[in-house]
Amino acid sequence: MDAIHPHARPAAEAARCAADQGKFWEYHDKLYAHAPKLAFGELKSAAKEIGLNVASFDQCLVGGKFKAAVQRDFSEAAGLGLTGTPAFFINGRELSGAQPIEAFTAIIDEELALAK
């Protein structure tokens, strides 16, 4: 994943630091609005823009508070064969990447038919 999106890990760590201040979703939305610009400077700017305590945010991110937790998430995803986001599972069937509603409907309809 690092080759595809080299800023994914720091962005994931930064989002967890934002969650420490109760603003995960606000930060999440800000990052997606700025993607793919997610270098350290942009992560810090986004924190400031949504009103995070930047000193606490910096201490969390630079100090690596969530580095191990994010690594566990990446390792688990890799172990499951996942190569990107989003990834969905419907009765164990993977649906990878951004998909139209019709893709979900088709799998759900097939699974419902099998259950009959």
C-alpha atoms as a PDB file:
ATOM      1  CA  MET A   1       0.000   0.000   0.000  1.00  0.00           C
ATOM      2  CA  ASP A   2       2.855   2.370   0.684  1.00  0.00           C
ATOM      3  CA  ALA A   3       3.856   2.319  -2.984  1.00  0.00           C
ATOM      4  CA  ILE A   4       0.337   3.256  -4.053  1.00  0.00           C
ATOM      5  CA  HIS A   5      -0.304   5.824  -1.342  1.00  0.00           C
ATOM      6  CA  PRO A   6       2.855   6.824   0.545  1.00  0.00           C
ATOM      7  CA  HIS A   7       0.943   9.182   2.835  1.00  0.00           C
ATOM      8  CA  ALA A   8      -1.702   6.682   3.952  1.00  0.00           C
ATOM      9  CA  ARG A   9      -0.004   5.651   7.198  1.00  0.00           C
ATOM     10  CA  PRO A  10       0.736   9.166   8.461  1.00  0.00           C
ATOM     11  CA  ALA A  11      -2.789  10.238   7.489  1.00  0.00           C
ATOM     12  CA  ALA A  12      -4.256   7.293   9.417  1.00  0.00           C
ATOM     13  CA  GLU A  13      -2.129   8.174  12.441  1.00  0.00           C
ATOM     14  CA  ALA A  14      -3.156  11.831  12.151  1.00  0.00           C
ATOM     15  CA  ALA A  15      -6.840  10.876  12.012  1.00  0.00           C
ATOM     16  CA  ARG A  16      -6.449   8.932  15.244  1.00  0.00           C
ATOM     17  CA  CYS A  17      -4.755  11.941  16.815  1.00  0.00           C
ATOM     18  CA  ALA A  18      -7.744  14.044  15.747  1.00  0.00           C
ATOM     19  CA  ALA A  19     -10.037  11.433  17.317  1.00  0.00           C
ATOM     20  CA  ASP A  20      -8.211  11.992  20.604  1.00  0.00           C
ATOM     21  CA  GLN A  21      -9.655  15.500  20.461  1.00  0.00           C
ATOM     22  CA  GLY A  22     -13.132  14.303  19.443  1.00  0.00           C
ATOM     23  CA  LYS A  23     -12.888  15.406  15.821  1.00  0.00           C
ATOM     24  CA  PHE A  24     -12.207  12.241  13.841  1.00  0.00           C
ATOM     25  CA  TRP A  25     -14.962  12.669  11.254  1.00  0.00           C
ATOM     26  CA  GLU A  26     -14.374  16.372  10.798  1.00  0.00           C
ATOM     27  CA  TYR A  27     -10.671  15.657  10.216  1.00  0.00           C
ATOM     28  CA  HIS A  28     -11.497  12.695   7.965  1.00  0.00           C
ATOM     29  CA  ASP A  29     -13.684  14.886   5.785  1.00  0.00           C
ATOM     30  CA  LYS A  30     -11.012  17.589   5.612  1.00  0.00           C
ATOM     31  CA  LEU A  31      -8.358  15.072   4.513  1.00  0.00           C
ATOM     32  CA  TYR A  32     -10.582  13.646   1.784  1.00  0.00           C
ATOM     33  CA  ALA A  33     -11.346  17.166   0.558  1.00  0.00           C
ATOM     34  CA  HIS A  34      -7.580  17.803   0.222  1.00  0.00           C
ATOM     35  CA  ALA A  35      -6.535  14.355  -1.081  1.00  0.00           C
ATOM     36  CA  PRO A  36      -4.071  13.441  -2.419  1.00  0.00           C
ATOM     37  CA  LYS A  37      -2.217  16.315  -0.695  1.00  0.00           C
ATOM     38  CA  LEU A  38      -1.461  14.552   2.579  1.00  0.00           C
ATOM     39  CA  ALA A  39       2.173  15.307   3.374  1.00  0.00           C
ATOM     40  CA  PHE A  40       3.003  16.293   6.958  1.00  0.00           C
ATOM     41  CA  GLY A  41       2.421  19.994   6.313  1.00  0.00           C
ATOM     42  CA  GLU A  42      -1.052  19.352   4.962  1.00  0.00           C
ATOM     43  CA  LEU A  43      -1.906  17.054   7.877  1.00  0.00           C
ATOM     44  CA  LYS A  44      -0.962  19.815  10.283  1.00  0.00           C
ATOM     45  CA  SER A  45      -2.824  22.492   8.277  1.00  0.00           C
ATOM     46  CA  ALA A  46      -5.970  20.380   8.266  1.00  0.00           C
ATOM     47  CA  ALA A  47      -5.717  20.023  12.045  1.00  0.00           C
ATOM     48  CA  LYS A  48      -5.499  23.774  12.441  1.00  0.00           C
ATOM     49  CA  GLU A  49      -8.360  24.396   9.981  1.00  0.00           C
ATOM     50  CA  ILE A  50     -10.789  22.270  11.989  1.00  0.00           C
ATOM     51  CA  GLY A  51      -9.773  23.837  15.287  1.00  0.00           C
ATOM     52  CA  LEU A  52      -7.684  21.097  16.861  1.00  0.00           C
ATOM     53  CA  ASN A  53      -5.194  21.946  19.566  1.00  0.00           C
ATOM     54  CA  VAL A  54      -2.246  21.889  17.169  1.00  0.00           C
ATOM     55  CA  ALA A  55       0.389  21.461  19.888  1.00  0.00           C
ATOM     56  CA  SER A  56      -1.370  18.345  21.217  1.00  0.00           C
ATOM     57  CA  PHE A  57      -1.930  17.105  17.673  1.00  0.00           C
ATOM     58  CA  ASP A  58       1.768  17.561  16.823  1.00  0.00           C
ATOM     59  CA  GLN A  59       2.854  15.815  19.998  1.00  0.00           C
ATOM     60  CA  CYS A  60       0.561  12.876  19.198  1.00  0.00           C
ATOM     61  CA  LEU A  61       1.606  12.592  15.554  1.00  0.00           C
ATOM     62  CA  VAL A  62       5.327  13.282  15.861  1.00  0.00           C
ATOM     63  CA  GLY A  63       5.512  11.179  19.005  1.00  0.00           C
ATOM     64  CA  GLY A  64       4.060   8.211  17.117  1.00  0.00           C
ATOM     65  CA  LYS A  65       1.260   7.557  19.606  1.00  0.00           C
ATOM     66  CA  PHE A  66      -0.743   5.517  17.076  1.00  0.00           C
ATOM     67  CA  LYS A  67       2.086   4.215  14.880  1.00  0.00           C
ATOM     68  CA  ALA A  68       1.881   0.641  16.234  1.00  0.00           C
ATOM     69  CA  ALA A  69      -1.933   0.558  16.064  1.00  0.00           C
ATOM     70  CA  VAL A  70      -1.941   1.735  12.444  1.00  0.00           C
ATOM     71  CA  GLN A  71       0.751  -0.820  11.593  1.00  0.00           C
ATOM     72  CA  ARG A  72      -1.437  -3.574  13.082  1.00  0.00           C
ATOM     73  CA  ASP A  73      -4.342  -2.406  10.905  1.00  0.00           C
ATOM     74  CA  PHE A  74      -2.163  -2.409   7.772  1.00  0.00           C
ATOM     75  CA  SER A  75      -0.764  -5.844   8.615  1.00  0.00           C
ATOM     76  CA  GLU A  76      -4.225  -7.269   9.219  1.00  0.00           C
ATOM     77  CA  ALA A  77      -5.480  -5.850   5.904  1.00  0.00           C
ATOM     78  CA  ALA A  78      -2.474  -7.274   4.056  1.00  0.00           C
ATOM     79  CA  GLY A  79      -3.042 -10.658   5.719  1.00  0.00           C
ATOM     80  CA  LEU A  80      -6.594 -10.635   4.412  1.00  0.00           C
ATOM     81  CA  GLY A  81      -5.359  -9.867   0.912  1.00  0.00           C
ATOM     82  CA  LEU A  82      -6.779  -6.348   0.873  1.00  0.00           C
ATOM     83  CA  THR A  83      -4.897  -3.935  -1.314  1.00  0.00           C
ATOM     84  CA  GLY A  84      -6.917  -0.735  -1.027  1.00  0.00           C
ATOM     85  CA  THR A  85      -9.890   1.070   0.336  1.00  0.00           C
ATOM     86  CA  PRO A  86     -12.716   0.895   0.564  1.00  0.00           C
ATOM     87  CA  ALA A  87     -13.223  -2.835   0.873  1.00  0.00           C
ATOM     88  CA  PHE A  88     -16.586  -4.419   1.636  1.00  0.00           C
ATOM     89  CA  PHE A  89     -17.568  -7.974   2.432  1.00  0.00           C
ATOM     90  CA  ILE A  90     -21.060  -9.263   1.796  1.00  0.00           C
ATOM     91  CA  ASN A  91     -21.454 -12.796   3.152  1.00  0.00           C
ATOM     92  CA  GLY A  92     -17.719 -13.250   2.698  1.00  0.00           C
ATOM     93  CA  ARG A  93     -17.670 -11.933  -0.859  1.00  0.00           C
ATOM     94  CA  GLU A  94     -15.279  -9.038  -1.344  1.00  0.00           C
ATOM     95  CA  LEU A  95     -16.265  -5.904  -3.170  1.00  0.00           C
ATOM     96  CA  SER A  96     -13.185  -3.726  -3.571  1.00  0.00           C
ATOM     97  CA  GLY A  97     -12.862  -0.055  -4.401  1.00  0.00           C
ATOM     98  CA  ALA A  98     -15.461   2.612  -4.908  1.00  0.00           C
ATOM     99  CA  GLN A  99     -18.413   0.868  -6.497  1.00  0.00           C
ATOM    100  CA  PRO A 100     -21.815   1.988  -7.750  1.00  0.00           C
ATOM    101  CA  ILE A 101     -24.900   0.942  -5.810  1.00  0.00           C
ATOM    102  CA  GLU A 102     -25.691  -1.547  -8.590  1.00  0.00           C
ATOM    103  CA  ALA A 103     -22.618  -3.606  -7.687  1.00  0.00           C
ATOM    104  CA  PHE A 104     -23.853  -3.953  -4.110  1.00  0.00           C
ATOM    105  CA  THR A 105     -27.392  -4.699  -5.245  1.00  0.00           C
ATOM    106  CA  ALA A 106     -26.220  -7.480  -7.574  1.00  0.00           C
ATOM    107  CA  ILE A 107     -24.250  -9.266  -4.850  1.00  0.00           C
ATOM    108  CA  ILE A 108     -26.984  -8.837  -2.252  1.00  0.00           C
ATOM    109  CA  ASP A 109     -29.620 -10.131  -4.679  1.00  0.00           C
ATOM    110  CA  GLU A 110     -27.441 -13.157  -5.521  1.00  0.00           C
ATOM    111  CA  GLU A 111     -26.897 -13.904  -1.842  1.00  0.00           C
ATOM    112  CA  LEU A 112     -30.605 -13.575  -1.090  1.00  0.00           C
ATOM    113  CA  ALA A 113     -31.412 -15.958  -3.954  1.00  0.00           C
ATOM    114  CA  LEU A 114     -28.914 -18.501  -2.583  1.00  0.00           C
ATOM    115  CA  ALA A 115     -30.492 -18.268   0.857  1.00  0.00           C
ATOM    116  CA  LYS A 116     -33.923 -19.349  -0.442  1.00  0.00           C
END
